[in-house]
Amino acid sequence: MTDASTGPVQAEITARLTAALSPTRLEVVNESAQHRGHMGDDGSGESHFRVVVESAAFVGRSRVDRQRLVNRALADLLAERVHALAIVARAPGEG
């Protein structure tokens, strides 16, 4: 889930999603380098992320409801530090 090159924002995303959703799978990928110089790049190297999260919390919920759960867990980060977040949210056993 994390490694030595993980920055503070990426680590915070991981910690919050782990606490909020108890995921069975969680990938938090920093894609900021792909957006260097584009709108929303604040120069921090931690402005654009992709998450893949699998959690029992998503069972029976729509795609929109799943994304709302993720967004709720990260609300202040999304408002203040993260410009873009791509979300793949699955229930266990979904492909």
PDB file of N, CA and C in Angstrom:
ATOM      1  N   MET A   1       0.800  -1.193   0.000  1.00  0.00           N
ATOM      2  CA  MET A   1       0.000   0.000   0.000  1.00  0.00           C
ATOM      3  C   MET A   1       0.846   1.262   0.000  1.00  0.00           C
ATOM      4  N   THR A   2       1.930   1.263   0.743  1.00  0.00           N
ATOM      5  CA  THR A   2       2.813   2.423   0.750  1.00  0.00           C
ATOM      6  C   THR A   2       4.242   1.931   0.617  1.00  0.00           C
ATOM      7  N   ASP A   3       5.145   2.838   0.265  1.00  0.00           N
ATOM      8  CA  ASP A   3       6.551   2.489   0.197  1.00  0.00           C
ATOM      9  C   ASP A   3       7.373   3.699   0.604  1.00  0.00           C
ATOM     10  N   ALA A   4       8.696   3.576   0.541  1.00  0.00           N
ATOM     11  CA  ALA A   4       9.580   4.633   1.012  1.00  0.00           C
ATOM     12  C   ALA A   4       9.412   5.929   0.233  1.00  0.00           C
ATOM     13  N   SER A   5       8.930   5.867  -1.008  1.00  0.00           N
ATOM     14  CA  SER A   5       8.789   7.070  -1.816  1.00  0.00           C
ATOM     15  C   SER A   5       7.431   7.750  -1.637  1.00  0.00           C
ATOM     16  N   THR A   6       6.614   7.230  -0.742  1.00  0.00           N
ATOM     17  CA  THR A   6       5.295   7.802  -0.508  1.00  0.00           C
ATOM     18  C   THR A   6       5.421   9.151   0.177  1.00  0.00           C
ATOM     19  N   GLY A   7       4.729  10.151  -0.397  1.00  0.00           N
ATOM     20  CA  GLY A   7       4.727  11.475   0.198  1.00  0.00           C
ATOM     21  C   GLY A   7       3.665  11.592   1.266  1.00  0.00           C
ATOM     22  N   PRO A   8       3.636  12.722   1.976  1.00  0.00           N
ATOM     23  CA  PRO A   8       2.686  12.885   3.075  1.00  0.00           C
ATOM     24  C   PRO A   8       1.221  12.875   2.643  1.00  0.00           C
ATOM     25  N   VAL A   9       0.897  13.438   1.502  1.00  0.00           N
ATOM     26  CA  VAL A   9      -0.499  13.444   1.049  1.00  0.00           C
ATOM     27  C   VAL A   9      -0.915  12.029   0.671  1.00  0.00           C
ATOM     28  N   GLN A  10      -0.075  11.324  -0.050  1.00  0.00           N
ATOM     29  CA  GLN A  10      -0.371   9.948  -0.423  1.00  0.00           C
ATOM     30  C   GLN A  10      -0.537   9.075   0.819  1.00  0.00           C
ATOM     31  N   ALA A  11       0.315   9.261   1.800  1.00  0.00           N
ATOM     32  CA  ALA A  11       0.206   8.497   3.044  1.00  0.00           C
ATOM     33  C   ALA A  11      -1.088   8.832   3.785  1.00  0.00           C
ATOM     34  N   GLU A  12      -1.484  10.087   3.768  1.00  0.00           N
ATOM     35  CA  GLU A  12      -2.726  10.501   4.432  1.00  0.00           C
ATOM     36  C   GLU A  12      -3.943   9.916   3.722  1.00  0.00           C
ATOM     37  N   ILE A  13      -3.930   9.892   2.399  1.00  0.00           N
ATOM     38  CA  ILE A  13      -5.019   9.273   1.648  1.00  0.00           C
ATOM     39  C   ILE A  13      -5.136   7.800   2.035  1.00  0.00           C
ATOM     40  N   THR A  14      -4.015   7.105   2.072  1.00  0.00           N
ATOM     41  CA  THR A  14      -3.996   5.690   2.444  1.00  0.00           C
ATOM     42  C   THR A  14      -4.560   5.488   3.845  1.00  0.00           C
ATOM     43  N   ALA A  15      -4.115   6.290   4.786  1.00  0.00           N
ATOM     44  CA  ALA A  15      -4.556   6.151   6.175  1.00  0.00           C
ATOM     45  C   ALA A  15      -6.056   6.415   6.318  1.00  0.00           C
ATOM     46  N   ARG A  16      -6.541   7.453   5.667  1.00  0.00           N
ATOM     47  CA  ARG A  16      -7.959   7.802   5.794  1.00  0.00           C
ATOM     48  C   ARG A  16      -8.864   6.764   5.150  1.00  0.00           C
ATOM     49  N   LEU A  17      -8.492   6.278   3.966  1.00  0.00           N
ATOM     50  CA  LEU A  17      -9.324   5.278   3.313  1.00  0.00           C
ATOM     51  C   LEU A  17      -9.291   3.960   4.075  1.00  0.00           C
ATOM     52  N   THR A  18      -8.165   3.634   4.657  1.00  0.00           N
ATOM     53  CA  THR A  18      -8.060   2.430   5.473  1.00  0.00           C
ATOM     54  C   THR A  18      -8.976   2.537   6.691  1.00  0.00           C
ATOM     55  N   ALA A  19      -8.953   3.677   7.352  1.00  0.00           N
ATOM     56  CA  ALA A  19      -9.783   3.876   8.545  1.00  0.00           C
ATOM     57  C   ALA A  19     -11.271   3.915   8.200  1.00  0.00           C
ATOM     58  N   ALA A  20     -11.627   4.561   7.119  1.00  0.00           N
ATOM     59  CA  ALA A  20     -13.036   4.759   6.776  1.00  0.00           C
ATOM     60  C   ALA A  20     -13.688   3.536   6.143  1.00  0.00           C
ATOM     61  N   LEU A  21     -12.904   2.759   5.375  1.00  0.00           N
ATOM     62  CA  LEU A  21     -13.506   1.716   4.550  1.00  0.00           C
ATOM     63  C   LEU A  21     -13.016   0.300   4.831  1.00  0.00           C
ATOM     64  N   SER A  22     -12.020   0.137   5.675  1.00  0.00           N
ATOM     65  CA  SER A  22     -11.446  -1.190   5.959  1.00  0.00           C
ATOM     66  C   SER A  22     -11.281  -1.999   4.681  1.00  0.00           C
ATOM     67  N   PRO A  23     -10.516  -1.481   3.722  1.00  0.00           N
ATOM     68  CA  PRO A  23     -10.435  -2.141   2.412  1.00  0.00           C
ATOM     69  C   PRO A  23      -9.728  -3.486   2.450  1.00  0.00           C
ATOM     70  N   THR A  24     -10.169  -4.368   1.550  1.00  0.00           N
ATOM     71  CA  THR A  24      -9.475  -5.628   1.336  1.00  0.00           C
ATOM     72  C   THR A  24      -8.376  -5.444   0.292  1.00  0.00           C
ATOM     73  N   ARG A  25      -8.474  -4.374  -0.470  1.00  0.00           N
ATOM     74  CA  ARG A  25      -7.441  -3.998  -1.443  1.00  0.00           C
ATOM     75  C   ARG A  25      -7.440  -2.477  -1.522  1.00  0.00           C
ATOM     76  N   LEU A  26      -6.244  -1.899  -1.521  1.00  0.00           N
ATOM     77  CA  LEU A  26      -6.128  -0.454  -1.657  1.00  0.00           C
ATOM     78  C   LEU A  26      -4.835  -0.115  -2.381  1.00  0.00           C
ATOM     79  N   GLU A  27      -4.969   0.600  -3.464  1.00  0.00           N
ATOM     80  CA  GLU A  27      -3.821   1.141  -4.192  1.00  0.00           C
ATOM     81  C   GLU A  27      -4.021   2.647  -4.273  1.00  0.00           C
ATOM     82  N   VAL A  28      -3.029   3.384  -3.858  1.00  0.00           N
ATOM     83  CA  VAL A  28      -3.045   4.837  -3.985  1.00  0.00           C
ATOM     84  C   VAL A  28      -1.840   5.195  -4.847  1.00  0.00           C
ATOM     85  N   VAL A  29      -2.112   5.680  -6.047  1.00  0.00           N
ATOM     86  CA  VAL A  29      -1.060   5.948  -7.019  1.00  0.00           C
ATOM     87  C   VAL A  29      -0.951   7.443  -7.242  1.00  0.00           C
ATOM     88  N   ASN A  30       0.243   7.967  -7.044  1.00  0.00           N
ATOM     89  CA  ASN A  30       0.505   9.376  -7.292  1.00  0.00           C
ATOM     90  C   ASN A  30       0.793   9.551  -8.778  1.00  0.00           C
ATOM     91  N   GLU A  31      -0.107  10.231  -9.472  1.00  0.00           N
ATOM     92  CA  GLU A  31       0.038  10.467 -10.910  1.00  0.00           C
ATOM     93  C   GLU A  31       0.427  11.914 -11.210  1.00  0.00           C
ATOM     94  N   SER A  32       0.891  12.634 -10.214  1.00  0.00           N
ATOM     95  CA  SER A  32       1.187  14.061 -10.360  1.00  0.00           C
ATOM     96  C   SER A  32       2.233  14.336 -11.429  1.00  0.00           C
ATOM     97  N   ALA A  33       3.230  13.479 -11.551  1.00  0.00           N
ATOM     98  CA  ALA A  33       4.290  13.711 -12.541  1.00  0.00           C
ATOM     99  C   ALA A  33       3.735  13.750 -13.959  1.00  0.00           C
ATOM    100  N   GLN A  34       2.645  13.033 -14.193  1.00  0.00           N
ATOM    101  CA  GLN A  34       2.023  13.014 -15.521  1.00  0.00           C
ATOM    102  C   GLN A  34       1.319  14.330 -15.832  1.00  0.00           C
ATOM    103  N   HIS A  35       1.123  15.156 -14.817  1.00  0.00           N
ATOM    104  CA  HIS A  35       0.373  16.404 -14.977  1.00  0.00           C
ATOM    105  C   HIS A  35       1.229  17.634 -14.707  1.00  0.00           C
ATOM    106  N   ARG A  36       2.533  17.441 -14.635  1.00  0.00           N
ATOM    107  CA  ARG A  36       3.446  18.547 -14.353  1.00  0.00           C
ATOM    108  C   ARG A  36       3.260  19.650 -15.391  1.00  0.00           C
ATOM    109  N   GLY A  37       3.058  20.865 -14.919  1.00  0.00           N
ATOM    110  CA  GLY A  37       2.878  22.002 -15.804  1.00  0.00           C
ATOM    111  C   GLY A  37       1.448  22.226 -16.247  1.00  0.00           C
ATOM    112  N   HIS A  38       0.549  21.290 -15.927  1.00  0.00           N
ATOM    113  CA  HIS A  38      -0.863  21.431 -16.296  1.00  0.00           C
ATOM    114  C   HIS A  38      -1.614  22.172 -15.207  1.00  0.00           C
ATOM    115  N   MET A  39      -2.844  22.565 -15.506  1.00  0.00           N
ATOM    116  CA  MET A  39      -3.691  23.205 -14.514  1.00  0.00           C
ATOM    117  C   MET A  39      -3.835  22.296 -13.300  1.00  0.00           C
ATOM    118  N   GLY A  40      -3.740  22.872 -12.141  1.00  0.00           N
ATOM    119  CA  GLY A  40      -3.884  22.109 -10.913  1.00  0.00           C
ATOM    120  C   GLY A  40      -2.572  21.602 -10.353  1.00  0.00           C
ATOM    121  N   ASP A  41      -1.503  21.663 -11.127  1.00  0.00           N
ATOM    122  CA  ASP A  41      -0.187  21.259 -10.631  1.00  0.00           C
ATOM    123  C   ASP A  41       0.331  22.379  -9.746  1.00  0.00           C
ATOM    124  N   ASP A  42       0.395  22.112  -8.448  1.00  0.00           N
ATOM    125  CA  ASP A  42       0.834  23.141  -7.509  1.00  0.00           C
ATOM    126  C   ASP A  42       2.331  23.081  -7.217  1.00  0.00           C
ATOM    127  N   GLY A  43       3.039  22.193  -7.896  1.00  0.00           N
ATOM    128  CA  GLY A  43       4.479  22.073  -7.704  1.00  0.00           C
ATOM    129  C   GLY A  43       4.875  21.189  -6.532  1.00  0.00           C
ATOM    130  N   SER A  44       3.904  20.694  -5.785  1.00  0.00           N
ATOM    131  CA  SER A  44       4.204  19.874  -4.608  1.00  0.00           C
ATOM    132  C   SER A  44       4.571  18.440  -4.984  1.00  0.00           C
ATOM    133  N   GLY A  45       4.190  18.026  -6.176  1.00  0.00           N
ATOM    134  CA  GLY A  45       4.399  16.637  -6.571  1.00  0.00           C
ATOM    135  C   GLY A  45       3.335  15.708  -6.008  1.00  0.00           C
ATOM    136  N   GLU A  46       2.308  16.289  -5.374  1.00  0.00           N
ATOM    137  CA  GLU A  46       1.226  15.492  -4.801  1.00  0.00           C
ATOM    138  C   GLU A  46      -0.113  16.195  -5.021  1.00  0.00           C
ATOM    139  N   SER A  47      -0.496  16.300  -6.283  1.00  0.00           N
ATOM    140  CA  SER A  47      -1.737  16.999  -6.607  1.00  0.00           C
ATOM    141  C   SER A  47      -2.735  16.125  -7.367  1.00  0.00           C
ATOM    142  N   HIS A  48      -2.275  15.037  -7.973  1.00  0.00           N
ATOM    143  CA  HIS A  48      -3.123  14.168  -8.796  1.00  0.00           C
ATOM    144  C   HIS A  48      -2.928  12.712  -8.361  1.00  0.00           C
ATOM    145  N   PHE A  49      -4.035  12.052  -8.026  1.00  0.00           N
ATOM    146  CA  PHE A  49      -3.955  10.674  -7.543  1.00  0.00           C
ATOM    147  C   PHE A  49      -5.011   9.796  -8.203  1.00  0.00           C
ATOM    148  N   ARG A  50      -4.730   8.502  -8.177  1.00  0.00           N
ATOM    149  CA  ARG A  50      -5.688   7.480  -8.592  1.00  0.00           C
ATOM    150  C   ARG A  50      -5.774   6.482  -7.453  1.00  0.00           C
ATOM    151  N   VAL A  51      -6.983   6.114  -7.057  1.00  0.00           N
ATOM    152  CA  VAL A  51      -7.154   5.093  -6.034  1.00  0.00           C
ATOM    153  C   VAL A  51      -7.966   3.948  -6.590  1.00  0.00           C
ATOM    154  N   VAL A  52      -7.554   2.753  -6.228  1.00  0.00           N
ATOM    155  CA  VAL A  52      -8.320   1.538  -6.493  1.00  0.00           C
ATOM    156  C   VAL A  52      -8.597   0.969  -5.110  1.00  0.00           C
ATOM    157  N   VAL A  53      -9.869   0.900  -4.758  1.00  0.00           N
ATOM    158  CA  VAL A  53     -10.225   0.454  -3.420  1.00  0.00           C
ATOM    159  C   VAL A  53     -11.331  -0.589  -3.508  1.00  0.00           C
ATOM    160  N   GLU A  54     -11.124  -1.679  -2.803  1.00  0.00           N
ATOM    161  CA  GLU A  54     -12.110  -2.749  -2.702  1.00  0.00           C
ATOM    162  C   GLU A  54     -12.511  -2.851  -1.241  1.00  0.00           C
ATOM    163  N   SER A  55     -13.817  -2.784  -0.993  1.00  0.00           N
ATOM    164  CA  SER A  55     -14.288  -2.793   0.385  1.00  0.00           C
ATOM    165  C   SER A  55     -15.695  -3.369   0.476  1.00  0.00           C
ATOM    166  N   ALA A  56     -15.949  -4.069   1.569  1.00  0.00           N
ATOM    167  CA  ALA A  56     -17.303  -4.575   1.828  1.00  0.00           C
ATOM    168  C   ALA A  56     -18.279  -3.416   2.023  1.00  0.00           C
ATOM    169  N   ALA A  57     -17.787  -2.243   2.347  1.00  0.00           N
ATOM    170  CA  ALA A  57     -18.648  -1.060   2.509  1.00  0.00           C
ATOM    171  C   ALA A  57     -19.359  -0.698   1.210  1.00  0.00           C
ATOM    172  N   PHE A  58     -18.874  -1.202   0.092  1.00  0.00           N
ATOM    173  CA  PHE A  58     -19.462  -0.876  -1.213  1.00  0.00           C
ATOM    174  C   PHE A  58     -20.541  -1.859  -1.662  1.00  0.00           C
ATOM    175  N   VAL A  59     -20.718  -2.961  -0.943  1.00  0.00           N
ATOM    176  CA  VAL A  59     -21.709  -3.968  -1.331  1.00  0.00           C
ATOM    177  C   VAL A  59     -23.091  -3.325  -1.378  1.00  0.00           C
ATOM    178  N   GLY A  60     -23.781  -3.512  -2.515  1.00  0.00           N
ATOM    179  CA  GLY A  60     -25.134  -3.006  -2.676  1.00  0.00           C
ATOM    180  C   GLY A  60     -25.237  -1.512  -2.945  1.00  0.00           C
ATOM    181  N   ARG A  61     -24.115  -0.837  -3.110  1.00  0.00           N
ATOM    182  CA  ARG A  61     -24.122   0.606  -3.357  1.00  0.00           C
ATOM    183  C   ARG A  61     -23.830   0.894  -4.828  1.00  0.00           C
ATOM    184  N   SER A  62     -24.394   1.977  -5.311  1.00  0.00           N
ATOM    185  CA  SER A  62     -24.141   2.400  -6.689  1.00  0.00           C
ATOM    186  C   SER A  62     -22.722   2.960  -6.825  1.00  0.00           C
ATOM    187  N   ARG A  63     -22.286   3.107  -8.065  1.00  0.00           N
ATOM    188  CA  ARG A  63     -20.971   3.689  -8.327  1.00  0.00           C
ATOM    189  C   ARG A  63     -20.866   5.087  -7.721  1.00  0.00           C
ATOM    190  N   VAL A  64     -21.919   5.864  -7.848  1.00  0.00           N
ATOM    191  CA  VAL A  64     -21.921   7.230  -7.306  1.00  0.00           C
ATOM    192  C   VAL A  64     -21.830   7.208  -5.777  1.00  0.00           C
ATOM    193  N   ASP A  65     -22.589   6.337  -5.135  1.00  0.00           N
ATOM    194  CA  ASP A  65     -22.532   6.235  -3.674  1.00  0.00           C
ATOM    195  C   ASP A  65     -21.143   5.803  -3.208  1.00  0.00           C
ATOM    196  N   ARG A  66     -20.521   4.905  -3.934  1.00  0.00           N
ATOM    197  CA  ARG A  66     -19.166   4.458  -3.585  1.00  0.00           C
ATOM    198  C   ARG A  66     -18.184   5.624  -3.666  1.00  0.00           C
ATOM    199  N   GLN A  67     -18.289   6.394  -4.729  1.00  0.00           N
ATOM    200  CA  GLN A  67     -17.391   7.540  -4.883  1.00  0.00           C
ATOM    201  C   GLN A  67     -17.651   8.578  -3.802  1.00  0.00           C
ATOM    202  N   ARG A  68     -18.904   8.740  -3.420  1.00  0.00           N
ATOM    203  CA  ARG A  68     -19.219   9.678  -2.328  1.00  0.00           C
ATOM    204  C   ARG A  68     -18.570   9.249  -1.020  1.00  0.00           C
ATOM    205  N   LEU A  69     -18.542   7.953  -0.739  1.00  0.00           N
ATOM    206  CA  LEU A  69     -17.883   7.464   0.475  1.00  0.00           C
ATOM    207  C   LEU A  69     -16.400   7.798   0.462  1.00  0.00           C
ATOM    208  N   VAL A  70     -15.765   7.593  -0.670  1.00  0.00           N
ATOM    209  CA  VAL A  70     -14.345   7.924  -0.803  1.00  0.00           C
ATOM    210  C   VAL A  70     -14.147   9.430  -0.656  1.00  0.00           C
ATOM    211  N   ASN A  71     -14.939  10.209  -1.361  1.00  0.00           N
ATOM    212  CA  ASN A  71     -14.812  11.669  -1.300  1.00  0.00           C
ATOM    213  C   ASN A  71     -15.051  12.192   0.111  1.00  0.00           C
ATOM    214  N   ARG A  72     -15.997  11.620   0.824  1.00  0.00           N
ATOM    215  CA  ARG A  72     -16.285  12.045   2.193  1.00  0.00           C
ATOM    216  C   ARG A  72     -15.076  11.807   3.098  1.00  0.00           C
ATOM    217  N   ALA A  73     -14.415  10.676   2.938  1.00  0.00           N
ATOM    218  CA  ALA A  73     -13.243  10.363   3.762  1.00  0.00           C
ATOM    219  C   ALA A  73     -12.081  11.308   3.493  1.00  0.00           C
ATOM    220  N   LEU A  74     -12.054  11.886   2.293  1.00  0.00           N
ATOM    221  CA  LEU A  74     -10.925  12.737   1.884  1.00  0.00           C
ATOM    222  C   LEU A  74     -11.323  14.195   1.691  1.00  0.00           C
ATOM    223  N   ALA A  75     -12.471  14.596   2.182  1.00  0.00           N
ATOM    224  CA  ALA A  75     -13.069  15.896   1.852  1.00  0.00           C
ATOM    225  C   ALA A  75     -12.121  17.079   1.985  1.00  0.00           C
ATOM    226  N   ASP A  76     -11.474  17.251   3.119  1.00  0.00           N
ATOM    227  CA  ASP A  76     -10.619  18.429   3.284  1.00  0.00           C
ATOM    228  C   ASP A  76      -9.368  18.352   2.421  1.00  0.00           C
ATOM    229  N   LEU A  77      -8.845  17.155   2.188  1.00  0.00           N
ATOM    230  CA  LEU A  77      -7.694  17.016   1.284  1.00  0.00           C
ATOM    231  C   LEU A  77      -8.087  17.418  -0.135  1.00  0.00           C
ATOM    232  N   LEU A  78      -9.278  17.012  -0.557  1.00  0.00           N
ATOM    233  CA  LEU A  78      -9.743  17.354  -1.900  1.00  0.00           C
ATOM    234  C   LEU A  78      -9.989  18.851  -2.024  1.00  0.00           C
ATOM    235  N   ALA A  79     -10.408  19.483  -0.972  1.00  0.00           N
ATOM    236  CA  ALA A  79     -10.677  20.918  -0.997  1.00  0.00           C
ATOM    237  C   ALA A  79      -9.399  21.748  -0.953  1.00  0.00           C
ATOM    238  N   GLU A  80      -8.369  21.220  -0.298  1.00  0.00           N
ATOM    239  CA  GLU A  80      -7.183  22.037  -0.033  1.00  0.00           C
ATOM    240  C   GLU A  80      -5.904  21.592  -0.726  1.00  0.00           C
ATOM    241  N   ARG A  81      -5.709  20.292  -0.941  1.00  0.00           N
ATOM    242  CA  ARG A  81      -4.396  19.829  -1.386  1.00  0.00           C
ATOM    243  C   ARG A  81      -4.393  18.966  -2.632  1.00  0.00           C
ATOM    244  N   VAL A  82      -5.497  18.301  -2.932  1.00  0.00           N
ATOM    245  CA  VAL A  82      -5.551  17.389  -4.078  1.00  0.00           C
ATOM    246  C   VAL A  82      -6.394  18.023  -5.168  1.00  0.00           C
ATOM    247  N   HIS A  83      -5.800  18.157  -6.345  1.00  0.00           N
ATOM    248  CA  HIS A  83      -6.521  18.754  -7.475  1.00  0.00           C
ATOM    249  C   HIS A  83      -7.403  17.742  -8.201  1.00  0.00           C
ATOM    250  N   ALA A  84      -6.917  16.500  -8.335  1.00  0.00           N
ATOM    251  CA  ALA A  84      -7.653  15.497  -9.100  1.00  0.00           C
ATOM    252  C   ALA A  84      -7.528  14.135  -8.433  1.00  0.00           C
ATOM    253  N   LEU A  85      -8.646  13.409  -8.418  1.00  0.00           N
ATOM    254  CA  LEU A  85      -8.669  12.074  -7.849  1.00  0.00           C
ATOM    255  C   LEU A  85      -9.512  11.176  -8.739  1.00  0.00           C
ATOM    256  N   ALA A  86      -8.886  10.162  -9.319  1.00  0.00           N
ATOM    257  CA  ALA A  86      -9.603   9.146 -10.089  1.00  0.00           C
ATOM    258  C   ALA A  86      -9.895   7.993  -9.138  1.00  0.00           C
ATOM    259  N   ILE A  87     -11.132   7.496  -9.165  1.00  0.00           N
ATOM    260  CA  ILE A  87     -11.561   6.481  -8.205  1.00  0.00           C
ATOM    261  C   ILE A  87     -12.099   5.252  -8.924  1.00  0.00           C
ATOM    262  N   VAL A  88     -11.569   4.085  -8.542  1.00  0.00           N
ATOM    263  CA  VAL A  88     -12.145   2.798  -8.913  1.00  0.00           C
ATOM    264  C   VAL A  88     -12.536   2.166  -7.593  1.00  0.00           C
ATOM    265  N   ALA A  89     -13.827   1.983  -7.363  1.00  0.00           N
ATOM    266  CA  ALA A  89     -14.331   1.466  -6.098  1.00  0.00           C
ATOM    267  C   ALA A  89     -15.148   0.206  -6.369  1.00  0.00           C
ATOM    268  N   ARG A  90     -14.697  -0.903  -5.776  1.00  0.00           N
ATOM    269  CA  ARG A  90     -15.355  -2.191  -6.010  1.00  0.00           C
ATOM    270  C   ARG A  90     -15.687  -2.868  -4.691  1.00  0.00           C
ATOM    271  N   ALA A  91     -16.720  -3.689  -4.721  1.00  0.00           N
ATOM    272  CA  ALA A  91     -17.015  -4.585  -3.612  1.00  0.00           C
ATOM    273  C   ALA A  91     -16.189  -5.856  -3.811  1.00  0.00           C
ATOM    274  N   PRO A  92     -15.893  -6.584  -2.750  1.00  0.00           N
ATOM    275  CA  PRO A  92     -15.135  -7.836  -2.897  1.00  0.00           C
ATOM    276  C   PRO A  92     -15.820  -8.774  -3.897  1.00  0.00           C
ATOM    277  N   GLY A  93     -15.007  -9.377  -4.743  1.00  0.00           N
ATOM    278  CA  GLY A  93     -15.521 -10.318  -5.741  1.00  0.00           C
ATOM    279  C   GLY A  93     -15.917  -9.703  -7.054  1.00  0.00           C
ATOM    280  N   GLU A  94     -15.982  -8.373  -7.118  1.00  0.00           N
ATOM    281  CA  GLU A  94     -16.292  -7.713  -8.388  1.00  0.00           C
ATOM    282  C   GLU A  94     -15.040  -7.629  -9.230  1.00  0.00           C
ATOM    283  N   GLY A  95     -15.199  -7.770 -10.527  1.00  0.00           N
ATOM    284  CA  GLY A  95     -14.056  -7.739 -11.445  1.00  0.00           C
ATOM    285  C   GLY A  95     -13.693  -6.443 -11.939  1.00  0.00           C
TER     286      GLY A  95
END
